[in-house]
Amino acid sequence: MIQILLKGVYICGNSSTSSGLTVTLTKETGSNDFALEPGALVLADQGCCCIDEFDKMCSQHQVKLNSNKEKML
C-alpha cells in the first residue's frame, strides 16, 4: 500500500508579510529568550504552499519568493 502524505499551507498574498512567509524572531514573555517561529514557506517544506492573490502581493515579497524558488532543487 502506498500512502501519500502532503503538507499544505494556504496564504493570501495581499495580507502576507515577508516574516510571515519565511521566519519571525520573537522574544519570549517573562524571559530574555528568543524563539524562531516558522512562516508559510517553512511550514510547507516538502509539501505545497498555495498563495492566493499573488498579483496583489507587495513587490518586495514577490522578489523574496522568486529568490526562494530559484534556490529549490
PDB file of N, CA and C in Angstrom:
ATOM      1  N   MET A   1       0.839  -1.169   0.000  1.00  0.00           N
ATOM      2  CA  MET A   1       0.000   0.000   0.000  1.00  0.00           C
ATOM      3  C   MET A   1       0.895   1.247   0.000  1.00  0.00           C
ATOM      4  N   ILE A   2       0.597   2.154  -0.886  1.00  0.00           N
ATOM      5  CA  ILE A   2       1.341   3.408  -0.970  1.00  0.00           C
ATOM      6  C   ILE A   2       0.513   4.508  -0.332  1.00  0.00           C
ATOM      7  N   GLN A   3       1.144   5.245   0.558  1.00  0.00           N
ATOM      8  CA  GLN A   3       0.469   6.380   1.180  1.00  0.00           C
ATOM      9  C   GLN A   3       1.182   7.656   0.774  1.00  0.00           C
ATOM     10  N   ILE A   4       0.410   8.652   0.441  1.00  0.00           N
ATOM     11  CA  ILE A   4       0.969   9.954   0.093  1.00  0.00           C
ATOM     12  C   ILE A   4       0.549  10.934   1.174  1.00  0.00           C
ATOM     13  N   LEU A   5       1.521  11.466   1.849  1.00  0.00           N
ATOM     14  CA  LEU A   5       1.261  12.471   2.869  1.00  0.00           C
ATOM     15  C   LEU A   5       1.808  13.790   2.351  1.00  0.00           C
ATOM     16  N   LEU A   6       0.947  14.745   2.189  1.00  0.00           N
ATOM     17  CA  LEU A   6       1.352  16.019   1.623  1.00  0.00           C
ATOM     18  C   LEU A   6       0.957  17.139   2.567  1.00  0.00           C
ATOM     19  N   LYS A   7       1.938  17.947   2.914  1.00  0.00           N
ATOM     20  CA  LYS A   7       1.643  19.115   3.737  1.00  0.00           C
ATOM     21  C   LYS A   7       1.165  20.231   2.832  1.00  0.00           C
ATOM     22  N   GLY A   8       0.239  21.000   3.311  1.00  0.00           N
ATOM     23  CA  GLY A   8      -0.262  22.121   2.537  1.00  0.00           C
ATOM     24  C   GLY A   8      -0.465  23.344   3.408  1.00  0.00           C
ATOM     25  N   VAL A   9      -0.048  24.493   2.890  1.00  0.00           N
ATOM     26  CA  VAL A   9      -0.225  25.767   3.580  1.00  0.00           C
ATOM     27  C   VAL A   9      -0.851  26.734   2.589  1.00  0.00           C
ATOM     28  N   TYR A  10      -1.870  27.458   3.032  1.00  0.00           N
ATOM     29  CA  TYR A  10      -2.550  28.442   2.193  1.00  0.00           C
ATOM     30  C   TYR A  10      -2.356  29.816   2.808  1.00  0.00           C
ATOM     31  N   ILE A  11      -1.964  30.795   1.980  1.00  0.00           N
ATOM     32  CA  ILE A  11      -1.866  32.175   2.442  1.00  0.00           C
ATOM     33  C   ILE A  11      -2.504  33.091   1.407  1.00  0.00           C
ATOM     34  N   CYS A  12      -2.933  34.235   1.865  1.00  0.00           N
ATOM     35  CA  CYS A  12      -3.496  35.251   0.981  1.00  0.00           C
ATOM     36  C   CYS A  12      -2.406  36.287   0.721  1.00  0.00           C
ATOM     37  N   GLY A  13      -2.063  36.494  -0.528  1.00  0.00           N
ATOM     38  CA  GLY A  13      -0.943  37.345  -0.892  1.00  0.00           C
ATOM     39  C   GLY A  13      -1.066  38.790  -0.472  1.00  0.00           C
ATOM     40  N   ASN A  14      -2.265  39.345  -0.517  1.00  0.00           N
ATOM     41  CA  ASN A  14      -2.386  40.770  -0.227  1.00  0.00           C
ATOM     42  C   ASN A  14      -2.285  41.084   1.263  1.00  0.00           C
ATOM     43  N   SER A  15      -2.298  40.072   2.124  1.00  0.00           N
ATOM     44  CA  SER A  15      -2.176  40.332   3.558  1.00  0.00           C
ATOM     45  C   SER A  15      -0.956  39.658   4.175  1.00  0.00           C
ATOM     46  N   SER A  16      -0.050  39.160   3.345  1.00  0.00           N
ATOM     47  CA  SER A  16       1.122  38.469   3.872  1.00  0.00           C
ATOM     48  C   SER A  16       2.275  39.440   4.096  1.00  0.00           C
ATOM     49  N   THR A  17       3.191  39.045   4.971  1.00  0.00           N
ATOM     50  CA  THR A  17       4.400  39.823   5.236  1.00  0.00           C
ATOM     51  C   THR A  17       5.602  38.943   4.932  1.00  0.00           C
ATOM     52  N   SER A  18       6.775  39.558   4.795  1.00  0.00           N
ATOM     53  CA  SER A  18       7.963  38.761   4.491  1.00  0.00           C
ATOM     54  C   SER A  18       8.306  37.829   5.648  1.00  0.00           C
ATOM     55  N   SER A  19       8.121  38.279   6.883  1.00  0.00           N
ATOM     56  CA  SER A  19       8.388  37.386   8.010  1.00  0.00           C
ATOM     57  C   SER A  19       7.323  36.300   8.110  1.00  0.00           C
ATOM     58  N   GLY A  20       6.113  36.596   7.682  1.00  0.00           N
ATOM     59  CA  GLY A  20       5.067  35.580   7.667  1.00  0.00           C
ATOM     60  C   GLY A  20       5.317  34.518   6.615  1.00  0.00           C
ATOM     61  N   LEU A  21       6.099  34.861   5.613  1.00  0.00           N
ATOM     62  CA  LEU A  21       6.451  33.898   4.575  1.00  0.00           C
ATOM     63  C   LEU A  21       7.653  33.054   4.976  1.00  0.00           C
ATOM     64  N   THR A  22       8.606  33.644   5.665  1.00  0.00           N
ATOM     65  CA  THR A  22       9.857  32.945   5.966  1.00  0.00           C
ATOM     66  C   THR A  22       9.932  32.546   7.437  1.00  0.00           C
ATOM     67  N   VAL A  23      10.416  33.447   8.274  1.00  0.00           N
ATOM     68  CA  VAL A  23      10.577  33.147   9.701  1.00  0.00           C
ATOM     69  C   VAL A  23      10.515  34.442  10.497  1.00  0.00           C
ATOM     70  N   THR A  24      10.036  34.343  11.733  1.00  0.00           N
ATOM     71  CA  THR A  24       9.919  35.503  12.611  1.00  0.00           C
ATOM     72  C   THR A  24      10.688  35.234  13.897  1.00  0.00           C
ATOM     73  N   LEU A  25      11.450  36.222  14.345  1.00  0.00           N
ATOM     74  CA  LEU A  25      12.159  36.136  15.618  1.00  0.00           C
ATOM     75  C   LEU A  25      11.305  36.817  16.671  1.00  0.00           C
ATOM     76  N   THR A  26      10.922  36.080  17.703  1.00  0.00           N
ATOM     77  CA  THR A  26      10.078  36.640  18.758  1.00  0.00           C
ATOM     78  C   THR A  26      10.768  36.495  20.103  1.00  0.00           C
ATOM     79  N   LYS A  27      10.487  37.446  20.990  1.00  0.00           N
ATOM     80  CA  LYS A  27      11.034  37.402  22.346  1.00  0.00           C
ATOM     81  C   LYS A  27      10.007  36.742  23.244  1.00  0.00           C
ATOM     82  N   GLU A  28      10.472  35.768  24.011  1.00  0.00           N
ATOM     83  CA  GLU A  28       9.590  35.059  24.927  1.00  0.00           C
ATOM     84  C   GLU A  28       9.196  35.983  26.073  1.00  0.00           C
ATOM     85  N   THR A  29       7.935  35.967  26.441  1.00  0.00           N
ATOM     86  CA  THR A  29       7.473  36.802  27.547  1.00  0.00           C
ATOM     87  C   THR A  29       7.981  36.241  28.869  1.00  0.00           C
ATOM     88  N   GLY A  30       8.437  37.144  29.728  1.00  0.00           N
ATOM     89  CA  GLY A  30       8.911  36.744  31.047  1.00  0.00           C
ATOM     90  C   GLY A  30      10.337  36.249  31.087  1.00  0.00           C
ATOM     91  N   SER A  31      11.048  36.273  29.971  1.00  0.00           N
ATOM     92  CA  SER A  31      12.452  35.848  29.961  1.00  0.00           C
ATOM     93  C   SER A  31      13.199  36.616  28.881  1.00  0.00           C
ATOM     94  N   ASN A  32      14.497  36.393  28.823  1.00  0.00           N
ATOM     95  CA  ASN A  32      15.318  37.031  27.793  1.00  0.00           C
ATOM     96  C   ASN A  32      15.565  36.097  26.615  1.00  0.00           C
ATOM     97  N   ASP A  33      14.792  35.038  26.524  1.00  0.00           N
ATOM     98  CA  ASP A  33      14.964  34.059  25.452  1.00  0.00           C
ATOM     99  C   ASP A  33      14.249  34.506  24.183  1.00  0.00           C
ATOM    100  N   PHE A  34      14.804  34.083  23.062  1.00  0.00           N
ATOM    101  CA  PHE A  34      14.211  34.361  21.762  1.00  0.00           C
ATOM    102  C   PHE A  34      13.851  33.040  21.091  1.00  0.00           C
ATOM    103  N   ALA A  35      12.869  33.100  20.229  1.00  0.00           N
ATOM    104  CA  ALA A  35      12.440  31.899  19.511  1.00  0.00           C
ATOM    105  C   ALA A  35      12.178  32.243  18.051  1.00  0.00           C
ATOM    106  N   LEU A  36      12.435  31.287  17.179  1.00  0.00           N
ATOM    107  CA  LEU A  36      12.124  31.428  15.762  1.00  0.00           C
ATOM    108  C   LEU A  36      10.784  30.767  15.496  1.00  0.00           C
ATOM    109  N   GLU A  37       9.874  31.506  14.872  1.00  0.00           N
ATOM    110  CA  GLU A  37       8.570  30.953  14.514  1.00  0.00           C
ATOM    111  C   GLU A  37       8.511  30.808  12.998  1.00  0.00           C
ATOM    112  N   PRO A  38       8.223  29.613  12.515  1.00  0.00           N
ATOM    113  CA  PRO A  38       8.241  29.378  11.070  1.00  0.00           C
ATOM    114  C   PRO A  38       7.099  30.078  10.350  1.00  0.00           C
ATOM    115  N   GLY A  39       7.404  30.536   9.135  1.00  0.00           N
ATOM    116  CA  GLY A  39       6.390  31.132   8.276  1.00  0.00           C
ATOM    117  C   GLY A  39       5.824  30.098   7.315  1.00  0.00           C
ATOM    118  N   ALA A  40       5.044  30.565   6.373  1.00  0.00           N
ATOM    119  CA  ALA A  40       4.328  29.671   5.464  1.00  0.00           C
ATOM    120  C   ALA A  40       5.265  28.796   4.631  1.00  0.00           C
ATOM    121  N   LEU A  41       6.349  29.364   4.114  1.00  0.00           N
ATOM    122  CA  LEU A  41       7.254  28.570   3.276  1.00  0.00           C
ATOM    123  C   LEU A  41       7.959  27.488   4.075  1.00  0.00           C
ATOM    124  N   VAL A  42       8.320  27.802   5.311  1.00  0.00           N
ATOM    125  CA  VAL A  42       8.978  26.816   6.169  1.00  0.00           C
ATOM    126  C   VAL A  42       7.993  25.714   6.544  1.00  0.00           C
ATOM    127  N   LEU A  43       6.771  26.097   6.886  1.00  0.00           N
ATOM    128  CA  LEU A  43       5.761  25.106   7.255  1.00  0.00           C
ATOM    129  C   LEU A  43       5.399  24.192   6.085  1.00  0.00           C
ATOM    130  N   ALA A  44       5.539  24.696   4.871  1.00  0.00           N
ATOM    131  CA  ALA A  44       5.185  23.905   3.689  1.00  0.00           C
ATOM    132  C   ALA A  44       6.362  23.108   3.137  1.00  0.00           C
ATOM    133  N   ASP A  45       7.474  23.054   3.854  1.00  0.00           N
ATOM    134  CA  ASP A  45       8.641  22.310   3.395  1.00  0.00           C
ATOM    135  C   ASP A  45       8.256  20.866   3.086  1.00  0.00           C
ATOM    136  N   GLN A  46       8.678  20.374   1.947  1.00  0.00           N
ATOM    137  CA  GLN A  46       8.353  19.033   1.463  1.00  0.00           C
ATOM    138  C   GLN A  46       6.865  18.887   1.153  1.00  0.00           C
ATOM    139  N   GLY A  47       6.172  20.018   0.965  1.00  0.00           N
ATOM    140  CA  GLY A  47       4.743  19.991   0.672  1.00  0.00           C
ATOM    141  C   GLY A  47       4.386  21.064  -0.335  1.00  0.00           C
ATOM    142  N   CYS A  48       3.236  21.673  -0.146  1.00  0.00           N
ATOM    143  CA  CYS A  48       2.721  22.649  -1.096  1.00  0.00           C
ATOM    144  C   CYS A  48       2.316  23.929  -0.376  1.00  0.00           C
ATOM    145  N   CYS A  49       2.791  25.067  -0.873  1.00  0.00           N
ATOM    146  CA  CYS A  49       2.392  26.375  -0.352  1.00  0.00           C
ATOM    147  C   CYS A  49       1.573  27.070  -1.439  1.00  0.00           C
ATOM    148  N   CYS A  50       0.301  27.287  -1.166  1.00  0.00           N
ATOM    149  CA  CYS A  50      -0.593  27.936  -2.125  1.00  0.00           C
ATOM    150  C   CYS A  50      -0.745  29.401  -1.752  1.00  0.00           C
ATOM    151  N   ILE A  51      -0.456  30.279  -2.705  1.00  0.00           N
ATOM    152  CA  ILE A  51      -0.538  31.712  -2.460  1.00  0.00           C
ATOM    153  C   ILE A  51      -1.629  32.290  -3.345  1.00  0.00           C
ATOM    154  N   ASP A  52      -2.703  32.730  -2.709  1.00  0.00           N
ATOM    155  CA  ASP A  52      -3.812  33.348  -3.419  1.00  0.00           C
ATOM    156  C   ASP A  52      -3.511  34.834  -3.590  1.00  0.00           C
ATOM    157  N   GLU A  53      -3.969  35.415  -4.670  1.00  0.00           N
ATOM    158  CA  GLU A  53      -3.798  36.837  -4.982  1.00  0.00           C
ATOM    159  C   GLU A  53      -2.321  37.249  -4.994  1.00  0.00           C
ATOM    160  N   PHE A  54      -1.496  36.418  -5.646  1.00  0.00           N
ATOM    161  CA  PHE A  54      -0.068  36.710  -5.758  1.00  0.00           C
ATOM    162  C   PHE A  54       0.166  38.048  -6.443  1.00  0.00           C
ATOM    163  N   ASP A  55      -0.681  38.381  -7.418  1.00  0.00           N
ATOM    164  CA  ASP A  55      -0.518  39.625  -8.160  1.00  0.00           C
ATOM    165  C   ASP A  55      -0.763  40.857  -7.286  1.00  0.00           C
ATOM    166  N   LYS A  56      -1.467  40.704  -6.177  1.00  0.00           N
ATOM    167  CA  LYS A  56      -1.731  41.827  -5.280  1.00  0.00           C
ATOM    168  C   LYS A  56      -0.727  41.906  -4.137  1.00  0.00           C
ATOM    169  N   MET A  57       0.217  40.980  -4.135  1.00  0.00           N
ATOM    170  CA  MET A  57       1.242  40.951  -3.099  1.00  0.00           C
ATOM    171  C   MET A  57       2.245  42.076  -3.330  1.00  0.00           C
ATOM    172  N   CYS A  58       2.786  42.605  -2.254  1.00  0.00           N
ATOM    173  CA  CYS A  58       3.813  43.648  -2.328  1.00  0.00           C
ATOM    174  C   CYS A  58       4.976  43.142  -3.189  1.00  0.00           C
ATOM    175  N   SER A  59       5.520  44.002  -4.042  1.00  0.00           N
ATOM    176  CA  SER A  59       6.585  43.581  -4.958  1.00  0.00           C
ATOM    177  C   SER A  59       7.818  43.090  -4.205  1.00  0.00           C
ATOM    178  N   GLN A  60       8.087  43.649  -3.041  1.00  0.00           N
ATOM    179  CA  GLN A  60       9.225  43.202  -2.222  1.00  0.00           C
ATOM    180  C   GLN A  60       9.046  41.736  -1.811  1.00  0.00           C
ATOM    181  N   HIS A  61       7.829  41.362  -1.454  1.00  0.00           N
ATOM    182  CA  HIS A  61       7.556  39.984  -1.060  1.00  0.00           C
ATOM    183  C   HIS A  61       7.621  39.049  -2.263  1.00  0.00           C
ATOM    184  N   GLN A  62       7.192  39.528  -3.435  1.00  0.00           N
ATOM    185  CA  GLN A  62       7.280  38.716  -4.648  1.00  0.00           C
ATOM    186  C   GLN A  62       8.734  38.410  -4.977  1.00  0.00           C
ATOM    187  N   VAL A  63       9.618  39.399  -4.801  1.00  0.00           N
ATOM    188  CA  VAL A  63      11.042  39.200  -5.075  1.00  0.00           C
ATOM    189  C   VAL A  63      11.615  38.141  -4.139  1.00  0.00           C
ATOM    190  N   LYS A  64      11.237  38.197  -2.851  1.00  0.00           N
ATOM    191  CA  LYS A  64      11.728  37.198  -1.898  1.00  0.00           C
ATOM    192  C   LYS A  64      11.259  35.799  -2.279  1.00  0.00           C
ATOM    193  N   LEU A  65      10.020  35.687  -2.706  1.00  0.00           N
ATOM    194  CA  LEU A  65       9.506  34.383  -3.118  1.00  0.00           C
ATOM    195  C   LEU A  65      10.238  33.869  -4.345  1.00  0.00           C
ATOM    196  N   ASN A  66      10.476  34.739  -5.304  1.00  0.00           N
ATOM    197  CA  ASN A  66      11.165  34.319  -6.522  1.00  0.00           C
ATOM    198  C   ASN A  66      12.591  33.887  -6.220  1.00  0.00           C
ATOM    199  N   SER A  67      13.279  34.564  -5.293  1.00  0.00           N
ATOM    200  CA  SER A  67      14.640  34.156  -4.950  1.00  0.00           C
ATOM    201  C   SER A  67      14.629  32.804  -4.246  1.00  0.00           C
ATOM    202  N   ASN A  68      13.598  32.538  -3.436  1.00  0.00           N
ATOM    203  CA  ASN A  68      13.479  31.221  -2.796  1.00  0.00           C
ATOM    204  C   ASN A  68      13.196  30.139  -3.824  1.00  0.00           C
ATOM    205  N   LYS A  69      12.367  30.432  -4.823  1.00  0.00           N
ATOM    206  CA  LYS A  69      12.060  29.444  -5.856  1.00  0.00           C
ATOM    207  C   LYS A  69      13.302  29.100  -6.666  1.00  0.00           C
ATOM    208  N   GLU A  70      14.190  30.077  -6.887  1.00  0.00           N
ATOM    209  CA  GLU A  70      15.401  29.826  -7.655  1.00  0.00           C
ATOM    210  C   GLU A  70      16.349  28.890  -6.918  1.00  0.00           C
ATOM    211  N   LYS A  71      16.278  28.867  -5.589  1.00  0.00           N
ATOM    212  CA  LYS A  71      17.176  28.038  -4.790  1.00  0.00           C
ATOM    213  C   LYS A  71      16.681  26.610  -4.634  1.00  0.00           C
ATOM    214  N   MET A  72      15.452  26.335  -5.073  1.00  0.00           N
ATOM    215  CA  MET A  72      14.904  24.985  -4.945  1.00  0.00           C
ATOM    216  C   MET A  72      15.580  24.035  -5.912  1.00  0.00           C
ATOM    217  N   LEU A  73      15.608  22.792  -5.521  1.00  0.00           N
ATOM    218  CA  LEU A  73      16.177  21.765  -6.403  1.00  0.00           C
ATOM    219  C   LEU A  73      15.088  21.040  -7.131  1.00  0.00           C
TER     220      LEU A  73
END
